[in-house]
Amino acid sequence: MEKQNTLYLIDGSAYIHRAYHAIRSLSNSKGLPTNAAFGFTRMLIKLFKDKSPEYSAIFFDAKGPTFRHEIFK
């Protein structure tokens, strides 16, 4: 049996939202919040280290209202 390649599709908007709320009070020396960028990067590193997918793609919501606005009014 031939080995099948693994593809991970990552909801980047959800990852950033989750990272933003999971890590509080993290900012750089000028006070710019860095919690979302740090958490997002750490989650990706952990995913790739633990699962080692052959392929991956990250997608983000388009600018403006999306289906999420309809679901969660």
N, C-alpha and C. Protein backbone atom coordinates (compact mmCIF):
# COMPACT_ATOMS: atom_id res chain seq x y z
N MET A 1 0.84 -1.18 0.00
CA MET A 1 0.00 0.00 0.00
C MET A 1 0.89 1.25 0.00
N GLU A 2 0.58 2.18 -0.87
CA GLU A 2 1.36 3.40 -1.00
C GLU A 2 1.02 4.39 0.12
N LYS A 3 2.06 5.03 0.70
CA LYS A 3 1.85 6.01 1.77
C LYS A 3 1.15 7.25 1.20
N GLN A 4 0.13 7.71 1.91
CA GLN A 4 -0.59 8.89 1.47
C GLN A 4 -0.01 10.13 2.14
N ASN A 5 0.10 11.22 1.40
CA ASN A 5 0.60 12.47 1.94
C ASN A 5 -0.46 13.13 2.81
N THR A 6 0.01 13.88 3.80
CA THR A 6 -0.88 14.57 4.72
C THR A 6 -0.94 16.05 4.36
N LEU A 7 -2.16 16.59 4.31
CA LEU A 7 -2.39 18.01 4.05
C LEU A 7 -3.13 18.59 5.25
N TYR A 8 -2.59 19.65 5.83
CA TYR A 8 -3.27 20.35 6.92
C TYR A 8 -3.74 21.70 6.38
N LEU A 9 -5.03 21.97 6.53
CA LEU A 9 -5.60 23.27 6.19
C LEU A 9 -5.84 24.00 7.51
N ILE A 10 -5.22 25.15 7.67
CA ILE A 10 -5.23 25.87 8.94
C ILE A 10 -6.03 27.15 8.80
N ASP A 11 -7.01 27.32 9.68
CA ASP A 11 -7.82 28.53 9.72
C ASP A 11 -7.02 29.60 10.46
N GLY A 12 -6.28 30.40 9.72
CA GLY A 12 -5.40 31.40 10.29
C GLY A 12 -6.13 32.43 11.13
N SER A 13 -7.30 32.84 10.70
CA SER A 13 -8.08 33.83 11.46
C SER A 13 -8.45 33.28 12.84
N ALA A 14 -8.86 32.04 12.90
CA ALA A 14 -9.22 31.42 14.17
C ALA A 14 -7.98 31.24 15.05
N TYR A 15 -6.85 30.86 14.47
CA TYR A 15 -5.61 30.71 15.23
C TYR A 15 -5.20 32.04 15.86
N ILE A 16 -5.26 33.12 15.09
CA ILE A 16 -4.87 34.43 15.62
C ILE A 16 -5.82 34.85 16.73
N HIS A 17 -7.12 34.66 16.52
CA HIS A 17 -8.12 35.02 17.54
C HIS A 17 -7.86 34.23 18.83
N ARG A 18 -7.63 32.96 18.68
CA ARG A 18 -7.37 32.10 19.83
C ARG A 18 -6.08 32.52 20.56
N ALA A 19 -5.03 32.81 19.81
CA ALA A 19 -3.76 33.22 20.41
C ALA A 19 -3.89 34.56 21.13
N TYR A 20 -4.64 35.47 20.53
CA TYR A 20 -4.83 36.80 21.12
C TYR A 20 -5.46 36.69 22.50
N HIS A 21 -6.46 35.83 22.64
CA HIS A 21 -7.17 35.70 23.92
C HIS A 21 -6.48 34.75 24.90
N ALA A 22 -5.63 33.88 24.40
CA ALA A 22 -4.96 32.90 25.27
C ALA A 22 -3.78 33.51 26.02
N ILE A 23 -3.12 34.47 25.40
CA ILE A 23 -1.92 35.07 26.00
C ILE A 23 -2.23 36.53 26.30
N ARG A 24 -2.18 36.89 27.56
CA ARG A 24 -2.50 38.26 27.97
C ARG A 24 -1.23 39.05 28.29
N SER A 25 -1.32 40.35 28.12
CA SER A 25 -0.29 41.30 28.56
C SER A 25 1.10 41.00 28.03
N LEU A 26 1.21 40.69 26.76
CA LEU A 26 2.51 40.48 26.14
C LEU A 26 2.69 41.58 25.10
N SER A 27 3.74 42.40 25.30
CA SER A 27 3.98 43.51 24.37
C SER A 27 5.48 43.75 24.24
N ASN A 28 5.84 44.53 23.23
CA ASN A 28 7.25 44.85 23.04
C ASN A 28 7.64 46.06 23.89
N SER A 29 8.87 46.54 23.74
CA SER A 29 9.36 47.64 24.57
C SER A 29 8.62 48.96 24.32
N LYS A 30 7.96 49.08 23.19
CA LYS A 30 7.20 50.30 22.89
C LYS A 30 5.72 50.17 23.26
N GLY A 31 5.34 49.04 23.85
CA GLY A 31 3.96 48.84 24.27
C GLY A 31 3.05 48.24 23.22
N LEU A 32 3.57 47.90 22.05
CA LEU A 32 2.78 47.30 20.99
C LEU A 32 2.45 45.85 21.36
N PRO A 33 1.17 45.48 21.36
CA PRO A 33 0.80 44.10 21.72
C PRO A 33 1.41 43.09 20.74
N THR A 34 2.02 42.06 21.28
CA THR A 34 2.63 41.01 20.46
C THR A 34 2.08 39.63 20.80
N ASN A 35 1.07 39.59 21.67
CA ASN A 35 0.54 38.30 22.13
C ASN A 35 -0.04 37.46 20.99
N ALA A 36 -0.75 38.06 20.05
CA ALA A 36 -1.36 37.29 18.95
C ALA A 36 -0.28 36.72 18.03
N ALA A 37 0.71 37.53 17.67
CA ALA A 37 1.77 37.07 16.78
C ALA A 37 2.59 35.96 17.44
N PHE A 38 2.92 36.14 18.72
CA PHE A 38 3.69 35.13 19.44
C PHE A 38 2.92 33.82 19.55
N GLY A 39 1.66 33.91 19.99
CA GLY A 39 0.84 32.70 20.15
C GLY A 39 0.59 31.98 18.85
N PHE A 40 0.30 32.73 17.79
CA PHE A 40 0.07 32.16 16.46
C PHE A 40 1.30 31.38 16.00
N THR A 41 2.47 31.99 16.14
CA THR A 41 3.72 31.34 15.72
C THR A 41 4.00 30.09 16.54
N ARG A 42 3.80 30.16 17.85
CA ARG A 42 4.05 29.01 18.72
C ARG A 42 3.10 27.84 18.38
N MET A 43 1.84 28.16 18.07
CA MET A 43 0.89 27.10 17.72
C MET A 43 1.30 26.42 16.41
N LEU A 44 1.75 27.20 15.44
CA LEU A 44 2.20 26.61 14.17
C LEU A 44 3.43 25.74 14.36
N ILE A 45 4.39 26.23 15.13
CA ILE A 45 5.60 25.45 15.40
C ILE A 45 5.24 24.13 16.05
N LYS A 46 4.36 24.17 17.05
CA LYS A 46 3.95 22.93 17.74
C LYS A 46 3.25 21.97 16.79
N LEU A 47 2.34 22.49 15.96
CA LEU A 47 1.63 21.64 14.99
C LEU A 47 2.61 20.94 14.06
N PHE A 48 3.53 21.71 13.48
CA PHE A 48 4.48 21.13 12.52
C PHE A 48 5.43 20.16 13.20
N LYS A 49 5.82 20.44 14.43
CA LYS A 49 6.71 19.54 15.16
C LYS A 49 6.00 18.23 15.53
N ASP A 50 4.78 18.34 16.02
CA ASP A 50 4.04 17.16 16.49
C ASP A 50 3.49 16.31 15.34
N LYS A 51 3.00 16.92 14.29
CA LYS A 51 2.31 16.20 13.22
C LYS A 51 3.13 16.01 11.96
N SER A 52 4.07 16.87 11.68
CA SER A 52 4.94 16.80 10.49
C SER A 52 4.17 16.55 9.19
N PRO A 53 3.22 17.43 8.86
CA PRO A 53 2.49 17.22 7.61
C PRO A 53 3.39 17.47 6.40
N GLU A 54 3.15 16.73 5.33
CA GLU A 54 3.91 16.93 4.10
C GLU A 54 3.54 18.26 3.44
N TYR A 55 2.28 18.63 3.56
CA TYR A 55 1.78 19.86 2.96
C TYR A 55 0.90 20.60 3.98
N SER A 56 0.90 21.92 3.88
CA SER A 56 0.01 22.71 4.72
C SER A 56 -0.34 24.00 4.00
N ALA A 57 -1.49 24.56 4.35
CA ALA A 57 -1.93 25.84 3.82
C ALA A 57 -2.66 26.58 4.92
N ILE A 58 -2.41 27.86 5.01
CA ILE A 58 -3.09 28.71 5.99
C ILE A 58 -3.97 29.67 5.22
N PHE A 59 -5.21 29.79 5.66
CA PHE A 59 -6.13 30.72 5.01
C PHE A 59 -6.70 31.68 6.04
N PHE A 60 -7.07 32.87 5.59
CA PHE A 60 -7.59 33.92 6.46
C PHE A 60 -8.91 34.43 5.91
N ASP A 61 -9.74 34.97 6.81
CA ASP A 61 -11.01 35.56 6.39
C ASP A 61 -10.74 36.77 5.51
N ALA A 62 -11.64 37.00 4.58
CA ALA A 62 -11.55 38.19 3.72
C ALA A 62 -11.91 39.43 4.52
N LYS A 63 -11.46 40.58 4.05
CA LYS A 63 -11.79 41.84 4.70
C LYS A 63 -13.30 42.07 4.61
N GLY A 64 -13.86 42.57 5.69
CA GLY A 64 -15.29 42.86 5.70
C GLY A 64 -16.09 41.72 6.30
N PRO A 65 -17.40 41.83 6.28
CA PRO A 65 -18.26 40.79 6.87
C PRO A 65 -18.05 39.42 6.20
N THR A 66 -18.07 38.38 7.01
CA THR A 66 -17.91 37.02 6.53
C THR A 66 -19.06 36.17 7.08
N PHE A 67 -19.03 34.90 6.78
CA PHE A 67 -20.06 33.98 7.29
C PHE A 67 -20.07 33.96 8.81
N ARG A 68 -18.93 34.27 9.45
CA ARG A 68 -18.87 34.27 10.92
C ARG A 68 -19.80 35.35 11.49
N HIS A 69 -19.93 36.47 10.79
CA HIS A 69 -20.81 37.54 11.26
C HIS A 69 -22.28 37.11 11.22
N GLU A 70 -22.64 36.27 10.28
CA GLU A 70 -23.99 35.75 10.18
C GLU A 70 -24.28 34.73 11.29
N ILE A 71 -23.28 33.89 11.55
CA ILE A 71 -23.46 32.84 12.56
C ILE A 71 -23.50 33.43 13.97
N PHE A 72 -22.57 34.34 14.25
CA PHE A 72 -22.41 34.90 15.60
C PHE A 72 -22.74 36.38 15.61
N LYS A 73 -24.00 36.71 15.54
CA LYS A 73 -24.43 38.12 15.53
C LYS A 73 -24.22 38.78 16.87
